[in-house]
Protein backbone atom coordinates (compact mmCIF):
# COMPACT_ATOMS: atom_id res chain seq x y z
CA MET A 1 38.95 123.93 -58.00
CA LYS A 2 37.08 122.96 -55.45
CA LYS A 3 33.90 125.38 -55.29
CA ILE A 4 31.31 125.67 -52.59
CA GLY A 5 28.04 126.44 -52.98
CA ILE A 6 24.69 127.48 -50.87
CA LEU A 7 21.49 126.90 -51.75
CA PHE A 8 18.94 129.36 -49.95
CA GLY A 9 15.47 130.43 -50.67
CA GLN A 10 14.67 134.47 -49.69
CA GLU A 11 17.20 134.77 -47.52
CA ARG A 12 19.97 137.23 -48.71
CA SER A 13 22.29 138.58 -45.78
CA PHE A 14 23.49 135.21 -44.74
CA PRO A 15 24.18 133.74 -48.02
CA MET A 16 25.57 136.24 -49.28
CA ALA A 17 28.07 137.34 -46.32
CA PHE A 18 29.03 133.09 -46.62
CA VAL A 19 30.08 133.71 -50.19
CA GLU A 20 31.71 137.21 -49.51
CA ARG A 21 33.62 135.20 -46.42
CA ILE A 22 35.16 132.63 -48.27
CA ASN A 23 36.10 134.38 -51.25
CA SER A 24 37.89 136.67 -49.10
CA LYS A 25 40.33 134.56 -47.20
CA ASN A 26 41.90 133.71 -50.62
CA ILE A 27 42.37 129.86 -49.92
CA PRO A 28 44.00 128.44 -53.09
CA GLY A 29 42.08 126.21 -54.68
CA ILE A 30 38.68 126.95 -53.08
CA THR A 31 36.01 129.47 -53.99
CA ALA A 32 32.39 129.93 -53.00
CA GLU A 33 29.10 130.95 -54.52
CA PRO A 34 25.36 130.36 -54.56
CA VAL A 35 24.48 127.37 -56.39
CA ARG A 36 23.22 127.54 -59.83
CA ILE A 37 21.26 124.42 -61.09
CA ASP A 38 20.11 124.42 -64.50
CA LYS A 39 19.42 120.52 -65.22
CA VAL A 40 19.71 117.60 -62.35
CA MET A 41 20.89 114.54 -64.03
CA GLN A 42 20.78 111.07 -62.36
CA GLY A 43 24.10 109.80 -61.05
CA GLU A 44 26.02 112.69 -62.35
CA ALA A 45 27.67 115.13 -60.38
CA SER A 46 26.66 118.94 -59.52
CA GLY A 47 30.26 120.48 -59.81
CA TYR A 48 30.58 120.92 -55.98
CA ALA A 49 32.53 119.99 -53.40
CA VAL A 50 30.49 121.38 -51.01
CA ILE A 51 26.86 122.31 -50.43
CA VAL A 52 25.16 124.21 -47.53
CA ASP A 53 21.69 124.05 -47.35
CA ARG A 54 19.38 126.58 -46.18
CA ILE A 55 16.22 125.60 -48.03
CA SER A 56 15.43 122.10 -49.24
CA GLN A 57 12.88 121.80 -46.13
CA ASP A 58 10.52 123.42 -48.18
CA VAL A 59 11.24 122.14 -51.58
CA PRO A 60 11.46 118.85 -52.53
CA PHE A 61 13.09 119.27 -55.84
CA TYR A 62 16.21 120.74 -54.07
CA ARG A 63 15.84 117.79 -51.69
CA ALA A 64 15.97 115.02 -55.01
CA PHE A 65 18.96 117.41 -56.06
CA LEU A 66 20.92 117.16 -53.02
CA LYS A 67 20.82 113.50 -52.56
CA ASN A 68 21.57 113.07 -56.11
CA ALA A 69 24.67 115.55 -55.52
CA ALA A 70 25.89 113.72 -52.22
CA LEU A 71 25.77 110.18 -53.85
CA CYS A 72 28.64 112.02 -56.51
CA GLY A 73 30.57 112.96 -53.91
CA THR A 74 29.18 116.37 -52.54
CA ALA A 75 29.76 117.25 -49.03
CA VAL A 76 25.97 118.38 -48.27
CA ILE A 77 25.69 120.53 -45.11
CA ASN A 78 23.62 119.06 -43.67
CA ASN A 79 23.05 115.24 -44.73
CA PRO A 80 19.91 115.62 -47.08
CA PHE A 81 19.01 111.81 -46.02
CA TRP A 82 19.14 111.96 -42.33
CA TRP A 83 17.06 115.24 -42.30
CA SER A 84 14.46 113.81 -44.84
CA ALA A 85 14.08 111.00 -42.04
CA ASP A 86 14.28 113.27 -38.62
CA GLU A 87 11.74 114.31 -36.82
CA LYS A 88 10.93 115.71 -33.60
CA PHE A 89 9.61 113.06 -31.61
CA PHE A 90 12.54 110.71 -32.38
CA ASN A 91 14.89 113.22 -31.50
CA ASN A 92 13.01 113.46 -28.05
CA CYS A 93 13.33 109.93 -27.59
CA LEU A 94 16.89 109.67 -28.60
CA ALA A 95 17.55 112.05 -25.80
CA THR A 96 16.18 110.17 -23.04
CA LYS A 97 18.70 107.64 -23.85
CA ILE A 98 21.41 109.89 -24.19
CA ASP A 99 20.98 111.82 -20.42
CA VAL A 100 19.88 115.24 -22.14
CA PRO A 101 16.98 116.41 -19.81
CA VAL A 102 13.72 116.94 -22.32
CA PRO A 103 10.17 117.56 -21.38
CA LYS A 104 7.77 115.02 -20.96
CA THR A 105 6.22 113.95 -24.55
CA VAL A 106 3.42 112.04 -26.30
CA ILE A 107 3.00 111.50 -30.05
CA LEU A 108 -1.06 111.78 -31.44
CA PRO A 109 -2.19 110.31 -34.39
CA SER A 110 -3.73 113.31 -36.68
CA ARG A 111 -7.21 114.55 -35.83
CA ASP A 112 -8.63 113.89 -39.40
CA LEU A 113 -7.81 110.68 -41.72
CA PRO A 114 -4.97 111.02 -43.59
CA ALA A 115 -5.96 111.07 -47.79
CA ASP A 116 -6.45 107.72 -49.90
CA THR A 117 -6.92 106.02 -45.68
CA SER A 118 -9.95 104.98 -44.14
CA ASP A 119 -11.14 104.33 -40.62
CA GLN A 120 -9.86 100.69 -41.69
CA SER A 121 -6.49 102.05 -42.51
CA PHE A 122 -6.27 102.71 -37.89
CA SER A 123 -7.48 98.58 -37.16
CA ASN A 124 -4.26 98.83 -34.33
CA LEU A 125 -5.01 102.00 -33.21
CA ALA A 126 -7.40 102.37 -30.01
CA TYR A 127 -10.18 104.42 -29.44
CA PRO A 128 -10.56 106.58 -27.65
CA LEU A 129 -6.48 107.21 -26.77
CA ASP A 130 -5.87 106.51 -23.13
CA TRP A 131 -6.22 110.62 -22.57
CA ASP A 132 -6.25 110.46 -18.51
CA GLN A 133 -3.13 108.47 -18.88
CA ILE A 134 -1.62 110.90 -21.43
CA PHE A 135 -2.76 113.67 -19.66
CA GLY A 136 -2.22 112.61 -16.32
CA TYR A 137 1.77 112.45 -17.71
CA VAL A 138 2.40 115.79 -19.42
CA GLY A 139 0.00 118.11 -17.04
CA PHE A 140 -1.35 121.34 -17.97
CA PRO A 141 -0.20 123.60 -18.84
CA ALA A 142 1.24 122.19 -22.02
CA TYR A 143 2.41 122.71 -25.81
CA MET A 144 1.09 120.83 -28.79
CA LYS A 145 2.99 121.21 -31.87
CA PRO A 146 3.56 119.25 -35.20
CA PHE A 147 6.07 116.41 -34.39
CA ALA A 148 7.39 117.01 -37.94
CA GLY A 149 8.26 121.40 -38.63
CA GLY A 150 9.54 124.57 -37.50
CA GLY A 151 9.04 128.47 -37.82
CA TRP A 152 6.62 128.30 -34.57
CA LYS A 153 3.85 126.93 -37.35
CA ASN A 154 0.55 125.47 -35.71
CA VAL A 155 1.85 125.85 -32.13
CA TYR A 156 -0.41 125.81 -29.27
CA LYS A 157 0.07 126.53 -25.45
CA LEU A 158 -2.80 124.36 -23.31
CA THR A 159 -4.50 124.91 -20.41
CA SER A 160 -6.93 122.08 -19.74
CA MET A 161 -7.94 119.30 -21.17
CA GLU A 162 -11.17 121.03 -22.83
CA ASP A 163 -8.20 123.61 -24.45
CA PHE A 164 -7.02 120.39 -25.74
CA PHE A 165 -9.97 119.02 -27.85
CA GLU A 166 -10.51 122.28 -28.59
CA LYS A 167 -7.40 123.22 -30.32
CA HIS A 168 -6.53 119.62 -31.73
CA SER A 169 -9.66 119.80 -33.54
CA GLU A 170 -8.21 122.49 -36.03
CA THR A 171 -4.79 120.35 -36.91
CA GLY A 172 -6.38 118.60 -39.34
CA GLU A 173 -4.00 116.04 -40.88
CA LEU A 174 -1.23 117.26 -38.49
CA VAL A 175 0.67 114.76 -36.52
CA MET A 176 1.09 116.26 -32.98
CA LEU A 177 3.46 116.06 -30.02
CA LEU A 178 2.12 117.15 -26.63
CA GLN A 179 4.53 118.28 -24.88
CA GLU A 180 5.33 119.47 -21.29
CA GLU A 181 5.51 123.09 -20.80
CA ILE A 182 8.84 124.02 -18.82
CA ILE A 183 8.38 126.94 -16.87
CA PHE A 184 12.36 128.65 -17.22
CA GLU A 185 13.71 131.04 -15.74
CA GLU A 186 16.44 131.31 -18.74
CA TYR A 187 16.59 130.52 -22.20
CA TYR A 188 19.47 129.94 -24.35
CA ARG A 189 19.55 129.53 -27.94
CA CYS A 190 22.75 127.42 -29.52
CA TYR A 191 24.28 127.34 -32.46
CA CYS A 192 26.43 124.21 -33.32
CA ILE A 193 28.49 123.90 -36.29
CA GLY A 194 30.57 121.13 -37.49
CA GLY A 195 29.84 119.38 -34.22
CA LYS A 196 32.07 121.16 -32.63
CA TYR A 197 32.23 125.07 -32.62
CA VAL A 198 29.28 125.68 -30.08
CA ARG A 199 27.82 129.68 -29.42
CA ILE A 200 25.62 130.23 -26.70
CA MET A 201 23.19 133.40 -27.05
CA SER A 202 20.57 134.47 -24.26
CA TYR A 203 17.07 134.23 -25.95
CA GLU A 204 14.08 135.44 -25.17
CA PRO A 205 10.83 133.06 -26.98
CA ARG A 206 8.44 135.40 -25.40
CA ASN A 207 9.53 138.47 -26.87
CA PRO A 208 8.46 139.50 -30.78
CA HIS A 209 10.62 137.88 -33.14
CA HIS A 210 13.01 141.02 -33.73
CA LEU A 211 13.27 141.53 -29.61
CA ARG A 212 14.10 137.91 -29.15
CA TYR A 213 18.33 138.06 -28.65
CA VAL A 214 17.55 140.85 -26.81
CA ALA A 215 17.60 139.02 -23.17
CA ASP A 216 21.08 138.92 -21.34
CA PHE A 217 21.09 136.01 -19.12
CA LYS A 218 24.68 135.26 -17.20
CA PRO A 219 25.11 132.09 -17.00
CA SER A 220 28.43 130.50 -14.59
CA ALA A 221 31.22 129.31 -15.98
CA ALA A 222 29.97 125.64 -15.04
CA ARG A 223 26.28 126.39 -16.51
CA LEU A 224 28.05 127.23 -20.05
CA LYS A 225 30.10 123.81 -19.70
CA GLN A 226 27.40 121.88 -19.01
CA MET A 227 25.39 123.54 -21.69
CA GLU A 228 28.15 122.90 -24.09
CA GLU A 229 27.98 119.72 -23.60
CA ILE A 230 24.84 118.75 -23.97
CA VAL A 231 24.65 120.97 -27.63
CA LEU A 232 28.38 118.77 -28.40
CA ARG A 233 26.19 115.52 -27.54
CA ILE A 234 23.20 116.50 -29.37
CA ASN A 235 24.55 117.26 -32.69
CA ARG A 236 26.92 114.60 -32.50
CA TYR A 237 24.67 111.81 -32.03
CA LEU A 238 22.41 113.31 -34.50
CA GLY A 239 25.28 113.98 -36.89
CA TYR A 240 23.99 117.90 -38.08
CA ASP A 241 26.92 120.19 -39.33
CA PHE A 242 24.36 123.08 -38.82
CA ASN A 243 22.27 123.45 -35.86
CA THR A 244 20.77 125.20 -33.38
CA VAL A 245 19.69 123.84 -29.90
CA GLU A 246 17.13 125.96 -27.62
CA LEU A 247 17.52 125.12 -23.66
CA ALA A 248 15.16 126.26 -21.07
CA VAL A 249 16.79 126.45 -17.74
CA ARG A 250 14.21 125.24 -14.92
CA ASP A 251 15.75 124.63 -10.87
CA GLY A 252 19.14 124.58 -12.66
CA VAL A 253 18.41 121.92 -15.44
CA PRO A 254 18.73 122.97 -19.22
CA TYR A 255 16.30 121.22 -20.90
CA ALA A 256 16.42 120.86 -24.18
CA ILE A 257 13.00 122.12 -25.72
CA ASP A 258 13.45 122.46 -29.66
CA PHE A 259 17.31 120.93 -30.98
CA CYS A 260 15.95 120.03 -34.63
CA ASN A 261 16.65 123.32 -36.19
CA PRO A 262 18.67 122.32 -39.50
CA ALA A 263 18.30 125.82 -41.33
CA PRO A 264 18.45 127.97 -38.45
CA ASP A 265 17.83 131.75 -38.20
CA ALA A 266 20.96 133.80 -39.56
CA ASP A 267 19.37 136.78 -40.43
CA LEU A 268 21.26 139.81 -39.54
CA LYS A 269 18.28 141.58 -38.44
CA SER A 270 17.33 138.93 -36.22
CA VAL A 271 20.47 137.42 -34.89
CA GLY A 272 22.45 140.81 -33.95
CA GLN A 273 25.40 141.80 -35.62
CA GLU A 274 28.16 139.89 -32.97
CA ASN A 275 26.06 136.58 -32.92
CA PHE A 276 25.74 137.09 -36.84
CA ASP A 277 29.51 137.69 -37.29
CA TRP A 278 29.90 134.31 -35.34
CA VAL A 279 27.76 132.49 -37.66
CA VAL A 280 29.30 133.71 -40.89
CA GLU A 281 33.27 133.22 -39.64
CA THR A 282 32.41 129.82 -38.66
CA ALA A 283 30.35 128.51 -41.37
CA ALA A 284 33.06 129.73 -43.53
CA THR A 285 35.36 128.18 -42.08
CA TYR A 286 34.24 124.23 -41.33
CA ALA A 287 32.68 124.66 -44.97
CA ILE A 288 36.64 125.44 -46.45
CA GLU A 289 37.36 122.17 -43.94
CA LYS A 290 34.79 120.25 -45.54
CA ALA A 291 36.21 121.05 -49.07
CA GLN A 292 39.79 120.66 -48.56
CA ALA A 293 38.74 117.05 -46.78
CA GLN A 294 36.03 116.59 -49.69
CA VAL A 295 37.01 113.34 -51.81
CA ASP A 296 35.21 113.01 -55.09
CA GLY A 297 32.90 110.09 -55.77
CA ALA A 298 33.26 109.05 -52.24
CA ASP A 299 30.77 109.66 -48.93
CA ASN A 300 31.60 112.74 -47.93
CA LEU A 301 28.57 113.35 -45.60
CA THR A 302 28.85 113.35 -42.15
CA TRP A 303 26.49 110.69 -40.02
CA GLY A 304 25.45 111.20 -36.45
CA GLU A 305 26.99 108.86 -33.63
CA TYR A 306 23.05 106.74 -33.69
CA ILE A 307 23.13 105.66 -37.12
CA LYS A 308 27.43 104.30 -37.00
CA ARG A 309 26.46 102.97 -33.41
CA SER A 310 23.43 100.85 -35.13
CA SER A 311 25.57 99.79 -38.47
CA ALA A 312 28.53 98.88 -36.33
CA LYS A 313 25.99 96.37 -33.99
CA GLN A 314 24.70 94.91 -37.98
CA LYS A 315 28.15 94.15 -38.77
CA LEU A 316 29.25 92.53 -35.41
CA ILE A 317 25.85 89.98 -35.96
C-alpha cells in the first residue's frame, strides 16, 4: 500500500477535502491521510510515498523531516531542497532570462546589521548606495517587500524617496526588494499543479482578503493562452509541483508580480467553491500520479529546468 500524506498547520478545509477525495477514488494500492510524525531517525524512511507540504516554510523541524523523507524516496510536493534555497529576487532574475515580463526590481541590504555582524562584515558594500541610480531605475510609486517571505507581510507602498527612507528604517534586519509598481487594468491569480494543470482566476489584490476572488475580468482566448504559457514556463523552470503565479496586465502585457507561492491559499472561504473544487480534484489527481510513479529509495523529487540545465552543462565540462 502506498500512502499519500499531507503536512499542514492551521488550515482545515483543503487538507481534509484532499484526503477524502483521494480515498473516495478507491485507487487500488493508494490511500491518503494527514501526516503523523512520532519520531524522525536519520536515514530512515517516513512511510509515505508522497507528502504534500503546506507548512514547513514556517516550521524548521518539518523542513528537516521532509528532506530526510525525500532522501529515502518520498516524493515531496514541493521539493524541500529547492524551496529552501529559493527567494523572490532570484525568481525575478530568472524571469528576465526566460522572456517573462517582470517589474523593475532591485535588492537592498538590511537596514540594520544582521546579528553577529559588524560594519567590518560589509567591507565590500559601498556606503551610501547609489540611491539616485536605484530610484531612477525603479521609479515611484513603488513597492518594498521582503526578498523571502509571503502573505503580504512587511509590504510597503512608497510614493517618494523620503517615503522610502522613512519606511525602510522600520524593516530592521529584513533584506528587502524595491520594485516598480505595475498599475494594472486586470489581475489574475493562477494555480499551477504538476507543471501542467493551470487554473486562471480573476483576482483583485486591492480588495479585502475575503473579496479578492470576487473580481470578474474577462480575458480573451488569446490572453488566456498567453498567461497559461507564462505560468507553465515559470513553474517548469522553478520546478514547483504546486504554486500560484500572480499576473498584472498593463497595456496588454501580463507581468509576473508574485510567483513564489509554494503553499498557496486554498481555503474554501477565500478562494470560493468553484476554485476550491478544482484545486482539491487536481491536487488529488496529481498526488496519485506521483504515488504511482514513486520508486522506493530513488530521487522522486521534481527538479526545475534551471537546475537540470545547469547540471547538464556541468557534465559537459
